[in-house]
Amino acid sequence: MDGSEERFYYASMDYLNDDERAEMLEQCWKYDRKLIHEKYLDLAKRLKERRADGICLVSV
């Protein structure tokens, strides 16, 4: 986040109650977890393809 996004994020938290904040943070955590999982699945797939093509010498 850049400075303006960070200021907006923290200021917006004042408009939410505790339950809403907890729900929002839970949704963010799930989104980030899925995003990271997809990123590394894609990386593993590309490394396996390179290995199959004889390009990558390192075992994955």
PDB file of N, CA and C in Angstrom:
ATOM      1  N   MET A   1       0.838  -1.177   0.000  1.00  0.00           N
ATOM      2  CA  MET A   1       0.000   0.000   0.000  1.00  0.00           C
ATOM      3  C   MET A   1       0.880   1.236   0.000  1.00  0.00           C
ATOM      4  N   ASP A   2       0.473   2.211  -0.770  1.00  0.00           N
ATOM      5  CA  ASP A   2       1.192   3.476  -0.687  1.00  0.00           C
ATOM      6  C   ASP A   2       0.595   4.292   0.459  1.00  0.00           C
ATOM      7  N   GLY A   3       1.139   5.446   0.729  1.00  0.00           N
ATOM      8  CA  GLY A   3       0.717   6.249   1.875  1.00  0.00           C
ATOM      9  C   GLY A   3      -0.745   6.626   1.859  1.00  0.00           C
ATOM     10  N   SER A   4      -1.286   7.022   0.698  1.00  0.00           N
ATOM     11  CA  SER A   4      -2.686   7.436   0.642  1.00  0.00           C
ATOM     12  C   SER A   4      -3.623   6.253   0.884  1.00  0.00           C
ATOM     13  N   GLU A   5      -3.287   5.083   0.346  1.00  0.00           N
ATOM     14  CA  GLU A   5      -4.123   3.897   0.577  1.00  0.00           C
ATOM     15  C   GLU A   5      -4.104   3.504   2.050  1.00  0.00           C
ATOM     16  N   GLU A   6      -2.936   3.593   2.648  1.00  0.00           N
ATOM     17  CA  GLU A   6      -2.811   3.230   4.052  1.00  0.00           C
ATOM     18  C   GLU A   6      -3.633   4.172   4.936  1.00  0.00           C
ATOM     19  N   ARG A   7      -3.573   5.464   4.657  1.00  0.00           N
ATOM     20  CA  ARG A   7      -4.365   6.429   5.433  1.00  0.00           C
ATOM     21  C   ARG A   7      -5.857   6.158   5.260  1.00  0.00           C
ATOM     22  N   PHE A   8      -6.276   5.876   4.033  1.00  0.00           N
ATOM     23  CA  PHE A   8      -7.691   5.588   3.772  1.00  0.00           C
ATOM     24  C   PHE A   8      -8.121   4.322   4.509  1.00  0.00           C
ATOM     25  N   TYR A   9      -7.304   3.284   4.448  1.00  0.00           N
ATOM     26  CA  TYR A   9      -7.638   2.015   5.086  1.00  0.00           C
ATOM     27  C   TYR A   9      -7.862   2.204   6.579  1.00  0.00           C
ATOM     28  N   TYR A  10      -6.901   2.825   7.253  1.00  0.00           N
ATOM     29  CA  TYR A  10      -7.028   2.986   8.696  1.00  0.00           C
ATOM     30  C   TYR A  10      -8.173   3.927   9.067  1.00  0.00           C
ATOM     31  N   ALA A  11      -8.393   4.981   8.294  1.00  0.00           N
ATOM     32  CA  ALA A  11      -9.505   5.887   8.560  1.00  0.00           C
ATOM     33  C   ALA A  11     -10.843   5.179   8.371  1.00  0.00           C
ATOM     34  N   SER A  12     -10.940   4.291   7.395  1.00  0.00           N
ATOM     35  CA  SER A  12     -12.206   3.598   7.136  1.00  0.00           C
ATOM     36  C   SER A  12     -12.561   2.624   8.252  1.00  0.00           C
ATOM     37  N   MET A  13     -11.578   2.162   8.987  1.00  0.00           N
ATOM     38  CA  MET A  13     -11.846   1.227  10.080  1.00  0.00           C
ATOM     39  C   MET A  13     -12.719   1.855  11.161  1.00  0.00           C
ATOM     40  N   ASP A  14     -12.669   3.178  11.291  1.00  0.00           N
ATOM     41  CA  ASP A  14     -13.491   3.857  12.295  1.00  0.00           C
ATOM     42  C   ASP A  14     -14.986   3.739  11.991  1.00  0.00           C
ATOM     43  N   TYR A  15     -15.331   3.447  10.753  1.00  0.00           N
ATOM     44  CA  TYR A  15     -16.736   3.350  10.363  1.00  0.00           C
ATOM     45  C   TYR A  15     -17.312   1.952  10.575  1.00  0.00           C
ATOM     46  N   LEU A  16     -16.472   1.006  10.952  1.00  0.00           N
ATOM     47  CA  LEU A  16     -16.916  -0.374  11.126  1.00  0.00           C
ATOM     48  C   LEU A  16     -16.959  -0.746  12.604  1.00  0.00           C
ATOM     49  N   ASN A  17     -17.899  -1.591  12.962  1.00  0.00           N
ATOM     50  CA  ASN A  17     -17.900  -2.104  14.333  1.00  0.00           C
ATOM     51  C   ASN A  17     -16.938  -3.291  14.414  1.00  0.00           C
ATOM     52  N   ASP A  18     -16.754  -3.824  15.602  1.00  0.00           N
ATOM     53  CA  ASP A  18     -15.780  -4.911  15.797  1.00  0.00           C
ATOM     54  C   ASP A  18     -16.082  -6.133  14.940  1.00  0.00           C
ATOM     55  N   ASP A  19     -17.366  -6.498  14.842  1.00  0.00           N
ATOM     56  CA  ASP A  19     -17.744  -7.662  14.038  1.00  0.00           C
ATOM     57  C   ASP A  19     -17.455  -7.430  12.548  1.00  0.00           C
ATOM     58  N   GLU A  20     -17.752  -6.236  12.064  1.00  0.00           N
ATOM     59  CA  GLU A  20     -17.502  -5.914  10.661  1.00  0.00           C
ATOM     60  C   GLU A  20     -16.000  -5.912  10.358  1.00  0.00           C
ATOM     61  N   ARG A  21     -15.215  -5.369  11.281  1.00  0.00           N
ATOM     62  CA  ARG A  21     -13.745  -5.380  11.106  1.00  0.00           C
ATOM     63  C   ARG A  21     -13.225  -6.812  11.046  1.00  0.00           C
ATOM     64  N   ALA A  22     -13.696  -7.634  11.962  1.00  0.00           N
ATOM     65  CA  ALA A  22     -13.255  -9.033  12.000  1.00  0.00           C
ATOM     66  C   ALA A  22     -13.629  -9.749  10.710  1.00  0.00           C
ATOM     67  N   GLU A  23     -14.836  -9.517  10.204  1.00  0.00           N
ATOM     68  CA  GLU A  23     -15.280 -10.138   8.958  1.00  0.00           C
ATOM     69  C   GLU A  23     -14.425  -9.668   7.782  1.00  0.00           C
ATOM     70  N   MET A  24     -14.153  -8.366   7.727  1.00  0.00           N
ATOM     71  CA  MET A  24     -13.348  -7.837   6.638  1.00  0.00           C
ATOM     72  C   MET A  24     -11.928  -8.423   6.665  1.00  0.00           C
ATOM     73  N   LEU A  25     -11.344  -8.484   7.847  1.00  0.00           N
ATOM     74  CA  LEU A  25      -9.993  -9.042   7.962  1.00  0.00           C
ATOM     75  C   LEU A  25      -9.978 -10.528   7.602  1.00  0.00           C
ATOM     76  N   GLU A  26     -11.022 -11.256   7.965  1.00  0.00           N
ATOM     77  CA  GLU A  26     -11.127 -12.671   7.603  1.00  0.00           C
ATOM     78  C   GLU A  26     -11.198 -12.836   6.083  1.00  0.00           C
ATOM     79  N   GLN A  27     -12.006 -12.002   5.436  1.00  0.00           N
ATOM     80  CA  GLN A  27     -12.116 -12.057   3.974  1.00  0.00           C
ATOM     81  C   GLN A  27     -10.782 -11.713   3.313  1.00  0.00           C
ATOM     82  N   CYS A  28     -10.077 -10.722   3.840  1.00  0.00           N
ATOM     83  CA  CYS A  28      -8.762 -10.352   3.289  1.00  0.00           C
ATOM     84  C   CYS A  28      -7.779 -11.508   3.450  1.00  0.00           C
ATOM     85  N   TRP A  29      -7.794 -12.144   4.607  1.00  0.00           N
ATOM     86  CA  TRP A  29      -6.886 -13.257   4.859  1.00  0.00           C
ATOM     87  C   TRP A  29      -7.156 -14.399   3.881  1.00  0.00           C
ATOM     88  N   LYS A  30      -8.438 -14.723   3.677  1.00  0.00           N
ATOM     89  CA  LYS A  30      -8.793 -15.796   2.740  1.00  0.00           C
ATOM     90  C   LYS A  30      -8.361 -15.447   1.316  1.00  0.00           C
ATOM     91  N   TYR A  31      -8.575 -14.206   0.914  1.00  0.00           N
ATOM     92  CA  TYR A  31      -8.181 -13.766  -0.424  1.00  0.00           C
ATOM     93  C   TYR A  31      -6.658 -13.884  -0.600  1.00  0.00           C
ATOM     94  N   ASP A  32      -5.903 -13.377   0.379  1.00  0.00           N
ATOM     95  CA  ASP A  32      -4.445 -13.444   0.297  1.00  0.00           C
ATOM     96  C   ASP A  32      -3.950 -14.880   0.259  1.00  0.00           C
ATOM     97  N   ARG A  33      -4.556 -15.734   1.067  1.00  0.00           N
ATOM     98  CA  ARG A  33      -4.152 -17.147   1.102  1.00  0.00           C
ATOM     99  C   ARG A  33      -4.366 -17.800  -0.262  1.00  0.00           C
ATOM    100  N   LYS A  34      -5.525 -17.541  -0.868  1.00  0.00           N
ATOM    101  CA  LYS A  34      -5.832 -18.105  -2.176  1.00  0.00           C
ATOM    102  C   LYS A  34      -4.872 -17.555  -3.235  1.00  0.00           C
ATOM    103  N   LEU A  35      -4.611 -16.261  -3.171  1.00  0.00           N
ATOM    104  CA  LEU A  35      -3.728 -15.625  -4.140  1.00  0.00           C
ATOM    105  C   LEU A  35      -2.316 -16.214  -4.076  1.00  0.00           C
ATOM    106  N   ILE A  36      -1.794 -16.362  -2.879  1.00  0.00           N
ATOM    107  CA  ILE A  36      -0.455 -16.923  -2.710  1.00  0.00           C
ATOM    108  C   ILE A  36      -0.430 -18.377  -3.172  1.00  0.00           C
ATOM    109  N   HIS A  37      -1.468 -19.134  -2.828  1.00  0.00           N
ATOM    110  CA  HIS A  37      -1.555 -20.535  -3.235  1.00  0.00           C
ATOM    111  C   HIS A  37      -1.545 -20.648  -4.758  1.00  0.00           C
ATOM    112  N   GLU A  38      -2.339 -19.813  -5.431  1.00  0.00           N
ATOM    113  CA  GLU A  38      -2.387 -19.831  -6.890  1.00  0.00           C
ATOM    114  C   GLU A  38      -1.043 -19.439  -7.493  1.00  0.00           C
ATOM    115  N   LYS A  39      -0.376 -18.466  -6.901  1.00  0.00           N
ATOM    116  CA  LYS A  39       0.926 -18.013  -7.412  1.00  0.00           C
ATOM    117  C   LYS A  39       1.935 -19.162  -7.404  1.00  0.00           C
ATOM    118  N   TYR A  40       2.024 -19.872  -6.286  1.00  0.00           N
ATOM    119  CA  TYR A  40       3.025 -20.925  -6.185  1.00  0.00           C
ATOM    120  C   TYR A  40       2.624 -22.193  -6.938  1.00  0.00           C
ATOM    121  N   LEU A  41       1.345 -22.446  -7.112  1.00  0.00           N
ATOM    122  CA  LEU A  41       0.932 -23.552  -7.979  1.00  0.00           C
ATOM    123  C   LEU A  41       1.352 -23.272  -9.419  1.00  0.00           C
ATOM    124  N   ASP A  42       1.159 -22.021  -9.847  1.00  0.00           N
ATOM    125  CA  ASP A  42       1.566 -21.630 -11.188  1.00  0.00           C
ATOM    126  C   ASP A  42       3.081 -21.736 -11.353  1.00  0.00           C
ATOM    127  N   LEU A  43       3.827 -21.298 -10.358  1.00  0.00           N
ATOM    128  CA  LEU A  43       5.289 -21.393 -10.410  1.00  0.00           C
ATOM    129  C   LEU A  43       5.734 -22.853 -10.516  1.00  0.00           C
ATOM    130  N   ALA A  44       5.141 -23.722  -9.708  1.00  0.00           N
ATOM    131  CA  ALA A  44       5.495 -25.147  -9.748  1.00  0.00           C
ATOM    132  C   ALA A  44       5.174 -25.743 -11.112  1.00  0.00           C
ATOM    133  N   LYS A  45       4.039 -25.371 -11.665  1.00  0.00           N
ATOM    134  CA  LYS A  45       3.646 -25.866 -12.985  1.00  0.00           C
ATOM    135  C   LYS A  45       4.660 -25.439 -14.046  1.00  0.00           C
ATOM    136  N   ARG A  46       5.060 -24.157 -14.017  1.00  0.00           N
ATOM    137  CA  ARG A  46       6.018 -23.668 -15.012  1.00  0.00           C
ATOM    138  C   ARG A  46       7.382 -24.332 -14.850  1.00  0.00           C
ATOM    139  N   LEU A  47       7.801 -24.576 -13.612  1.00  0.00           N
ATOM    140  CA  LEU A  47       9.081 -25.245 -13.393  1.00  0.00           C
ATOM    141  C   LEU A  47       9.044 -26.691 -13.894  1.00  0.00           C
ATOM    142  N   LYS A  48       7.931 -27.377 -13.677  1.00  0.00           N
ATOM    143  CA  LYS A  48       7.793 -28.750 -14.179  1.00  0.00           C
ATOM    144  C   LYS A  48       7.819 -28.778 -15.702  1.00  0.00           C
ATOM    145  N   GLU A  49       7.168 -27.789 -16.335  1.00  0.00           N
ATOM    146  CA  GLU A  49       7.183 -27.708 -17.797  1.00  0.00           C
ATOM    147  C   GLU A  49       8.599 -27.472 -18.309  1.00  0.00           C
ATOM    148  N   ARG A  50       9.327 -26.590 -17.654  1.00  0.00           N
ATOM    149  CA  ARG A  50      10.712 -26.315 -18.074  1.00  0.00           C
ATOM    150  C   ARG A  50      11.576 -27.556 -17.898  1.00  0.00           C
ATOM    151  N   ARG A  51      11.343 -28.260 -16.803  1.00  0.00           N
ATOM    152  CA  ARG A  51      12.116 -29.479 -16.549  1.00  0.00           C
ATOM    153  C   ARG A  51      11.812 -30.523 -17.614  1.00  0.00           C
ATOM    154  N   ALA A  52      10.541 -30.662 -17.979  1.00  0.00           N
ATOM    155  CA  ALA A  52      10.140 -31.626 -18.997  1.00  0.00           C
ATOM    156  C   ALA A  52      10.752 -31.270 -20.348  1.00  0.00           C
ATOM    157  N   ASP A  53      10.952 -29.983 -20.596  1.00  0.00           N
ATOM    158  CA  ASP A  53      11.554 -29.536 -21.853  1.00  0.00           C
ATOM    159  C   ASP A  53      13.078 -29.614 -21.821  1.00  0.00           C
ATOM    160  N   GLY A  54      13.625 -30.030 -20.674  1.00  0.00           N
ATOM    161  CA  GLY A  54      15.081 -30.147 -20.566  1.00  0.00           C
ATOM    162  C   GLY A  54      15.771 -28.822 -20.297  1.00  0.00           C
ATOM    163  N   ILE A  55      15.030 -27.795 -19.957  1.00  0.00           N
ATOM    164  CA  ILE A  55      15.603 -26.471 -19.736  1.00  0.00           C
ATOM    165  C   ILE A  55      16.140 -26.326 -18.316  1.00  0.00           C
ATOM    166  N   CYS A  56      15.440 -26.865 -17.367  1.00  0.00           N
ATOM    167  CA  CYS A  56      15.805 -26.700 -15.945  1.00  0.00           C
ATOM    168  C   CYS A  56      16.558 -27.945 -15.479  1.00  0.00           C
ATOM    169  N   LEU A  57      17.733 -27.742 -14.923  1.00  0.00           N
ATOM    170  CA  LEU A  57      18.532 -28.873 -14.480  1.00  0.00           C
ATOM    171  C   LEU A  57      18.277 -29.226 -13.029  1.00  0.00           C
ATOM    172  N   VAL A  58      17.592 -28.354 -12.296  1.00  0.00           N
ATOM    173  CA  VAL A  58      17.341 -28.557 -10.883  1.00  0.00           C
ATOM    174  C   VAL A  58      16.063 -29.378 -10.703  1.00  0.00           C
ATOM    175  N   SER A  59      16.107 -30.378  -9.857  1.00  0.00           N
ATOM    176  CA  SER A  59      14.935 -31.200  -9.582  1.00  0.00           C
ATOM    177  C   SER A  59      13.953 -30.424  -8.732  1.00  0.00           C
ATOM    178  N   VAL A  60      12.677 -30.502  -9.102  1.00  0.00           N
ATOM    179  CA  VAL A  60      11.637 -29.791  -8.353  1.00  0.00           C
ATOM    180  C   VAL A  60      10.710 -30.788  -7.726  1.00  0.00           C
TER     181      VAL A  60
END
